[in-house]
Amino acid sequence: MNPEIFNAAFLSFSLIFVGIGGGFLLLKLQGGGEE
């Protein structure tokens, strides 16, 4: 397996994880912690 392919897969996975985490955090901040 090429390191470049693994690197690209890891990068995309990191972006998705950060996107979900950031979106959840933003939603929590906007909600004011009511829930």
PDB file of N, CA and C in Angstrom:
ATOM      1  N   MET A   1       0.849  -1.193   0.000  1.00  0.00           N
ATOM      2  CA  MET A   1       0.000   0.000   0.000  1.00  0.00           C
ATOM      3  C   MET A   1       0.888   1.249   0.000  1.00  0.00           C
ATOM      4  N   ASN A   2       0.568   2.169  -0.870  1.00  0.00           N
ATOM      5  CA  ASN A   2       1.380   3.386  -0.971  1.00  0.00           C
ATOM      6  C   ASN A   2       1.165   4.293   0.239  1.00  0.00           C
ATOM      7  N   PRO A   3       2.240   4.867   0.753  1.00  0.00           N
ATOM      8  CA  PRO A   3       2.121   5.800   1.892  1.00  0.00           C
ATOM      9  C   PRO A   3       1.272   7.011   1.530  1.00  0.00           C
ATOM     10  N   GLU A   4       1.305   7.403   0.266  1.00  0.00           N
ATOM     11  CA  GLU A   4       0.533   8.581  -0.169  1.00  0.00           C
ATOM     12  C   GLU A   4      -0.965   8.327  -0.029  1.00  0.00           C
ATOM     13  N   ILE A   5      -1.398   7.122  -0.399  1.00  0.00           N
ATOM     14  CA  ILE A   5      -2.821   6.770  -0.295  1.00  0.00           C
ATOM     15  C   ILE A   5      -3.240   6.742   1.179  1.00  0.00           C
ATOM     16  N   PHE A   6      -2.383   6.149   2.013  1.00  0.00           N
ATOM     17  CA  PHE A   6      -2.676   6.074   3.444  1.00  0.00           C
ATOM     18  C   PHE A   6      -2.730   7.472   4.048  1.00  0.00           C
ATOM     19  N   ASN A   7      -1.805   8.327   3.604  1.00  0.00           N
ATOM     20  CA  ASN A   7      -1.748   9.701   4.106  1.00  0.00           C
ATOM     21  C   ASN A   7      -3.012  10.458   3.715  1.00  0.00           C
ATOM     22  N   ALA A   8      -3.460  10.269   2.474  1.00  0.00           N
ATOM     23  CA  ALA A   8      -4.664  10.954   1.991  1.00  0.00           C
ATOM     24  C   ALA A   8      -5.891  10.465   2.756  1.00  0.00           C
ATOM     25  N   ALA A   9      -5.955   9.170   3.014  1.00  0.00           N
ATOM     26  CA  ALA A   9      -7.090   8.599   3.740  1.00  0.00           C
ATOM     27  C   ALA A   9      -7.120   9.128   5.175  1.00  0.00           C
ATOM     28  N   PHE A  10      -5.938   9.193   5.788  1.00  0.00           N
ATOM     29  CA  PHE A  10      -5.850   9.687   7.166  1.00  0.00           C
ATOM     30  C   PHE A  10      -6.237  11.159   7.233  1.00  0.00           C
ATOM     31  N   LEU A  11      -5.814  11.919   6.219  1.00  0.00           N
ATOM     32  CA  LEU A  11      -6.116  13.351   6.183  1.00  0.00           C
ATOM     33  C   LEU A  11      -7.619  13.573   6.026  1.00  0.00           C
ATOM     34  N   SER A  12      -8.243  12.808   5.133  1.00  0.00           N
ATOM     35  CA  SER A  12      -9.683  12.960   4.909  1.00  0.00           C
ATOM     36  C   SER A  12     -10.455  12.557   6.170  1.00  0.00           C
ATOM     37  N   PHE A  13      -9.992  11.484   6.823  1.00  0.00           N
ATOM     38  CA  PHE A  13     -10.648  11.033   8.052  1.00  0.00           C
ATOM     39  C   PHE A  13     -10.542  12.104   9.138  1.00  0.00           C
ATOM     40  N   SER A  14      -9.361  12.737   9.212  1.00  0.00           N
ATOM     41  CA  SER A  14      -9.146  13.787  10.210  1.00  0.00           C
ATOM     42  C   SER A  14     -10.062  14.974   9.935  1.00  0.00           C
ATOM     43  N   LEU A  15     -10.206  15.331   8.654  1.00  0.00           N
ATOM     44  CA  LEU A  15     -11.057  16.465   8.284  1.00  0.00           C
ATOM     45  C   LEU A  15     -12.508  16.181   8.660  1.00  0.00           C
ATOM     46  N   ILE A  16     -12.953  14.946   8.409  1.00  0.00           N
ATOM     47  CA  ILE A  16     -14.334  14.571   8.736  1.00  0.00           C
ATOM     48  C   ILE A  16     -14.540  14.618  10.256  1.00  0.00           C
ATOM     49  N   PHE A  17     -13.561  14.076  10.999  1.00  0.00           N
ATOM     50  CA  PHE A  17     -13.661  14.044  12.460  1.00  0.00           C
ATOM     51  C   PHE A  17     -13.703  15.457  13.034  1.00  0.00           C
ATOM     52  N   VAL A  18     -12.828  16.323  12.511  1.00  0.00           N
ATOM     53  CA  VAL A  18     -12.781  17.718  12.968  1.00  0.00           C
ATOM     54  C   VAL A  18     -14.073  18.441  12.596  1.00  0.00           C
ATOM     55  N   GLY A  19     -14.605  18.122  11.410  1.00  0.00           N
ATOM     56  CA  GLY A  19     -15.842  18.761  10.952  1.00  0.00           C
ATOM     57  C   GLY A  19     -17.016  18.403  11.855  1.00  0.00           C
ATOM     58  N   ILE A  20     -17.119  17.114  12.191  1.00  0.00           N
ATOM     59  CA  ILE A  20     -18.212  16.668  13.061  1.00  0.00           C
ATOM     60  C   ILE A  20     -18.041  17.244  14.467  1.00  0.00           C
ATOM     61  N   GLY A  21     -16.811  17.179  14.977  1.00  0.00           N
ATOM     62  CA  GLY A  21     -16.535  17.695  16.324  1.00  0.00           C
ATOM     63  C   GLY A  21     -16.777  19.194  16.395  1.00  0.00           C
ATOM     64  N   GLY A  22     -16.298  19.928  15.378  1.00  0.00           N
ATOM     65  CA  GLY A  22     -16.475  21.380  15.353  1.00  0.00           C
ATOM     66  C   GLY A  22     -17.942  21.754  15.230  1.00  0.00           C
ATOM     67  N   GLY A  23     -18.671  21.027  14.395  1.00  0.00           N
ATOM     68  CA  GLY A  23     -20.093  21.310  14.194  1.00  0.00           C
ATOM     69  C   GLY A  23     -20.881  21.057  15.471  1.00  0.00           C
ATOM     70  N   PHE A  24     -20.536  19.958  16.160  1.00  0.00           N
ATOM     71  CA  PHE A  24     -21.229  19.626  17.408  1.00  0.00           C
ATOM     72  C   PHE A  24     -20.951  20.684  18.474  1.00  0.00           C
ATOM     73  N   LEU A  25     -19.685  21.134  18.536  1.00  0.00           N
ATOM     74  CA  LEU A  25     -19.298  22.149  19.520  1.00  0.00           C
ATOM     75  C   LEU A  25     -20.003  23.468  19.226  1.00  0.00           C
ATOM     76  N   LEU A  26     -20.076  23.816  17.941  1.00  0.00           N
ATOM     77  CA  LEU A  26     -20.730  25.062  17.540  1.00  0.00           C
ATOM     78  C   LEU A  26     -22.217  24.996  17.892  1.00  0.00           C
ATOM     79  N   LEU A  27     -22.831  23.842  17.645  1.00  0.00           N
ATOM     80  CA  LEU A  27     -24.255  23.667  17.928  1.00  0.00           C
ATOM     81  C   LEU A  27     -24.497  23.798  19.437  1.00  0.00           C
ATOM     82  N   LYS A  28     -23.581  23.244  20.223  1.00  0.00           N
ATOM     83  CA  LYS A  28     -23.723  23.300  21.676  1.00  0.00           C
ATOM     84  C   LYS A  28     -23.585  24.744  22.163  1.00  0.00           C
ATOM     85  N   LEU A  29     -22.649  25.490  21.570  1.00  0.00           N
ATOM     86  CA  LEU A  29     -22.445  26.887  21.967  1.00  0.00           C
ATOM     87  C   LEU A  29     -23.660  27.730  21.596  1.00  0.00           C
ATOM     88  N   GLN A  30     -24.214  27.486  20.405  1.00  0.00           N
ATOM     89  CA  GLN A  30     -25.376  28.261  19.958  1.00  0.00           C
ATOM     90  C   GLN A  30     -26.603  27.927  20.794  1.00  0.00           C
ATOM     91  N   GLY A  31     -26.674  26.678  21.269  1.00  0.00           N
ATOM     92  CA  GLY A  31     -27.831  26.255  22.058  1.00  0.00           C
ATOM     93  C   GLY A  31     -27.791  26.864  23.454  1.00  0.00           C
ATOM     94  N   GLY A  32     -26.634  27.360  23.876  1.00  0.00           N
ATOM     95  CA  GLY A  32     -26.530  27.981  25.187  1.00  0.00           C
ATOM     96  C   GLY A  32     -26.507  26.946  26.295  1.00  0.00           C
ATOM     97  N   GLY A  33     -26.322  25.670  25.938  1.00  0.00           N
ATOM     98  CA  GLY A  33     -26.262  24.606  26.942  1.00  0.00           C
ATOM     99  C   GLY A  33     -27.607  24.365  27.594  1.00  0.00           C
ATOM    100  N   GLU A  34     -28.697  24.651  26.897  1.00  0.00           N
ATOM    101  CA  GLU A  34     -30.027  24.449  27.483  1.00  0.00           C
ATOM    102  C   GLU A  34     -30.340  22.957  27.599  1.00  0.00           C
ATOM    103  N   GLU A  35     -29.895  22.183  26.589  1.00  0.00           N
ATOM    104  CA  GLU A  35     -30.199  20.744  26.607  1.00  0.00           C
ATOM    105  C   GLU A  35     -29.117  20.013  27.390  1.00  0.00           C
TER     106      GLU A  35
END
